[in-house]
Amino acid sequence: MLGLIALRQIKRKGERGKGMAVAGSVLSSVGLALWVLSLSTGFVSDFWESFKESARESATVSPDKGECFDVPSGSLEGMTYDVAVVPCEGEHDGDVFATVTLPRGS
């Protein structure tokens, strides 16, 4: 839309930048067409559902009571969302002594 306005202004005032205005118009038209196509085919909703399912699966995977783990940072300070279960016989960052199931909600 703005590219078309710019083309009209360039023609009227004799300014430079016609190529940039045309490129902007073409790229925005292509972007709009891809957006409409992705919405009409359901690609966006399918992608979002698979993304949510992956997040749900990774969030539910956690070490069980008695297992040992390493964290990527090597430090148990702060928060982490990713741990690797390792054998307790070797060196490790921590071990699970309890698990708690939190209620859903805010």
C-alpha atoms as a PDB file:
ATOM      1  CA  MET A   1       0.000   0.000   0.000  1.00  0.00           C
ATOM      2  CA  LEU A   2       2.723   2.471   0.976  1.00  0.00           C
ATOM      3  CA  GLY A   3       4.726   1.471  -2.101  1.00  0.00           C
ATOM      4  CA  LEU A   4       1.806   2.491  -4.327  1.00  0.00           C
ATOM      5  CA  ILE A   5       1.496   5.817  -2.532  1.00  0.00           C
ATOM      6  CA  ALA A   6       5.239   6.337  -2.981  1.00  0.00           C
ATOM      7  CA  LEU A   7       5.013   5.560  -6.706  1.00  0.00           C
ATOM      8  CA  ARG A   8       2.297   8.168  -7.147  1.00  0.00           C
ATOM      9  CA  GLN A   9       4.325  10.756  -5.216  1.00  0.00           C
ATOM     10  CA  ILE A  10       7.511   9.934  -7.156  1.00  0.00           C
ATOM     11  CA  LYS A  11       5.694  10.371 -10.466  1.00  0.00           C
ATOM     12  CA  ARG A  12       4.068  13.634  -9.381  1.00  0.00           C
ATOM     13  CA  LYS A  13       7.181  15.254  -7.864  1.00  0.00           C
ATOM     14  CA  GLY A  14       9.813  13.674 -10.132  1.00  0.00           C
ATOM     15  CA  GLU A  15      11.755  12.220  -7.193  1.00  0.00           C
ATOM     16  CA  ARG A  16      14.080   9.222  -7.183  1.00  0.00           C
ATOM     17  CA  GLY A  17      13.354   5.809  -5.643  1.00  0.00           C
ATOM     18  CA  LYS A  18      10.987   4.247  -8.154  1.00  0.00           C
ATOM     19  CA  GLY A  19      12.803   0.881  -7.964  1.00  0.00           C
ATOM     20  CA  MET A  20      12.533   0.754  -4.189  1.00  0.00           C
ATOM     21  CA  ALA A  21       8.832   1.611  -4.312  1.00  0.00           C
ATOM     22  CA  VAL A  22       8.169  -1.124  -6.880  1.00  0.00           C
ATOM     23  CA  ALA A  23      10.190  -3.658  -4.867  1.00  0.00           C
ATOM     24  CA  GLY A  24       8.285  -2.748  -1.703  1.00  0.00           C
ATOM     25  CA  SER A  25       4.949  -3.142  -3.462  1.00  0.00           C
ATOM     26  CA  VAL A  26       5.911  -6.526  -4.926  1.00  0.00           C
ATOM     27  CA  LEU A  27       7.299  -7.881  -1.655  1.00  0.00           C
ATOM     28  CA  SER A  28       4.292  -6.759   0.366  1.00  0.00           C
ATOM     29  CA  SER A  29       1.952  -8.327  -2.227  1.00  0.00           C
ATOM     30  CA  VAL A  30       3.850 -11.618  -2.052  1.00  0.00           C
ATOM     31  CA  GLY A  31       3.804 -11.514   1.752  1.00  0.00           C
ATOM     32  CA  LEU A  32       0.071 -10.859   1.795  1.00  0.00           C
ATOM     33  CA  ALA A  33      -0.558 -13.715  -0.654  1.00  0.00           C
ATOM     34  CA  LEU A  34       1.506 -16.137   1.470  1.00  0.00           C
ATOM     35  CA  TRP A  35      -0.291 -15.024   4.629  1.00  0.00           C
ATOM     36  CA  VAL A  36      -3.730 -15.572   3.031  1.00  0.00           C
ATOM     37  CA  LEU A  37      -2.624 -18.946   1.626  1.00  0.00           C
ATOM     38  CA  SER A  38      -1.289 -20.148   4.974  1.00  0.00           C
ATOM     39  CA  LEU A  39      -4.470 -19.122   6.768  1.00  0.00           C
ATOM     40  CA  SER A  40      -6.768 -20.668   4.174  1.00  0.00           C
ATOM     41  CA  THR A  41      -4.951 -24.020   4.102  1.00  0.00           C
ATOM     42  CA  GLY A  42      -4.766 -24.309   7.877  1.00  0.00           C
ATOM     43  CA  PHE A  43      -0.961 -24.415   7.858  1.00  0.00           C
ATOM     44  CA  VAL A  44      -0.664 -21.919  10.687  1.00  0.00           C
ATOM     45  CA  SER A  45      -3.116 -23.735  12.964  1.00  0.00           C
ATOM     46  CA  ASP A  46      -1.500 -27.126  12.222  1.00  0.00           C
ATOM     47  CA  PHE A  47       1.938 -25.699  12.964  1.00  0.00           C
ATOM     48  CA  TRP A  48       0.711 -24.092  16.200  1.00  0.00           C
ATOM     49  CA  GLU A  49      -0.960 -27.320  17.390  1.00  0.00           C
ATOM     50  CA  SER A  50       2.181 -29.378  16.736  1.00  0.00           C
ATOM     51  CA  PHE A  51       4.271 -26.719  18.506  1.00  0.00           C
ATOM     52  CA  LYS A  52       1.995 -26.806  21.568  1.00  0.00           C
ATOM     53  CA  GLU A  53       2.052 -30.622  21.619  1.00  0.00           C
ATOM     54  CA  SER A  54       5.874 -30.646  21.503  1.00  0.00           C
ATOM     55  CA  ALA A  55       6.045 -28.155  24.340  1.00  0.00           C
ATOM     56  CA  ARG A  56       3.570 -30.182  26.377  1.00  0.00           C
ATOM     57  CA  GLU A  57       5.592 -33.385  25.846  1.00  0.00           C
ATOM     58  CA  SER A  58       8.893 -31.780  26.771  1.00  0.00           C
ATOM     59  CA  ALA A  59       7.356 -30.138  29.834  1.00  0.00           C
ATOM     60  CA  THR A  60       6.096 -33.467  31.180  1.00  0.00           C
ATOM     61  CA  VAL A  61       9.461 -35.253  30.866  1.00  0.00           C
ATOM     62  CA  SER A  62      11.280 -35.027  34.164  1.00  0.00           C
ATOM     63  CA  PRO A  63      13.552 -37.276  36.185  1.00  0.00           C
ATOM     64  CA  ASP A  64      11.902 -39.552  38.743  1.00  0.00           C
ATOM     65  CA  LYS A  65      12.617 -39.674  42.463  1.00  0.00           C
ATOM     66  CA  GLY A  66      16.026 -41.236  43.109  1.00  0.00           C
ATOM     67  CA  GLU A  67      17.472 -40.422  39.660  1.00  0.00           C
ATOM     68  CA  CYS A  68      20.528 -38.231  39.201  1.00  0.00           C
ATOM     69  CA  PHE A  69      20.930 -35.480  36.621  1.00  0.00           C
ATOM     70  CA  ASP A  70      23.222 -32.901  35.056  1.00  0.00           C
ATOM     71  CA  VAL A  71      22.166 -29.415  33.977  1.00  0.00           C
ATOM     72  CA  PRO A  72      23.624 -27.794  30.834  1.00  0.00           C
ATOM     73  CA  SER A  73      25.047 -24.820  32.750  1.00  0.00           C
ATOM     74  CA  GLY A  74      26.689 -27.067  35.356  1.00  0.00           C
ATOM     75  CA  SER A  75      25.154 -24.963  38.120  1.00  0.00           C
ATOM     76  CA  LEU A  76      21.970 -25.577  40.088  1.00  0.00           C
ATOM     77  CA  GLU A  77      21.446 -21.859  40.712  1.00  0.00           C
ATOM     78  CA  GLY A  78      18.525 -20.177  38.977  1.00  0.00           C
ATOM     79  CA  MET A  79      16.036 -21.996  36.766  1.00  0.00           C
ATOM     80  CA  THR A  80      16.565 -24.610  34.095  1.00  0.00           C
ATOM     81  CA  TYR A  81      14.142 -26.383  31.812  1.00  0.00           C
ATOM     82  CA  ASP A  82      16.498 -29.020  30.497  1.00  0.00           C
ATOM     83  CA  VAL A  83      18.239 -31.753  32.479  1.00  0.00           C
ATOM     84  CA  ALA A  84      20.019 -34.905  31.410  1.00  0.00           C
ATOM     85  CA  VAL A  85      19.468 -38.035  33.509  1.00  0.00           C
ATOM     86  CA  VAL A  86      22.839 -39.624  34.315  1.00  0.00           C
ATOM     87  CA  PRO A  87      23.965 -42.628  36.372  1.00  0.00           C
ATOM     88  CA  CYS A  88      24.257 -41.843  40.087  1.00  0.00           C
ATOM     89  CA  GLU A  89      27.544 -43.765  40.406  1.00  0.00           C
ATOM     90  CA  GLY A  90      29.493 -41.088  38.526  1.00  0.00           C
ATOM     91  CA  GLU A  91      29.849 -37.365  39.108  1.00  0.00           C
ATOM     92  CA  HIS A  92      26.571 -35.467  38.705  1.00  0.00           C
ATOM     93  CA  ASP A  93      25.045 -32.062  39.417  1.00  0.00           C
ATOM     94  CA  GLY A  94      22.111 -33.210  41.526  1.00  0.00           C
ATOM     95  CA  ASP A  95      19.648 -35.934  42.392  1.00  0.00           C
ATOM     96  CA  VAL A  96      15.874 -35.928  42.725  1.00  0.00           C
ATOM     97  CA  PHE A  97      14.725 -36.426  46.306  1.00  0.00           C
ATOM     98  CA  ALA A  98      11.035 -35.565  45.789  1.00  0.00           C
ATOM     99  CA  THR A  99       8.533 -34.816  43.068  1.00  0.00           C
ATOM    100  CA  VAL A 100       5.507 -32.552  43.383  1.00  0.00           C
ATOM    101  CA  THR A 101       2.524 -32.313  41.065  1.00  0.00           C
ATOM    102  CA  LEU A 102       1.198 -28.771  40.903  1.00  0.00           C
ATOM    103  CA  PRO A 103      -2.472 -28.054  40.210  1.00  0.00           C
ATOM    104  CA  ARG A 104      -3.284 -26.498  36.866  1.00  0.00           C
ATOM    105  CA  GLY A 105      -4.336 -22.898  36.913  1.00  0.00           C
ATOM    106  CA  SER A 106      -2.886 -19.483  37.367  1.00  0.00           C
END
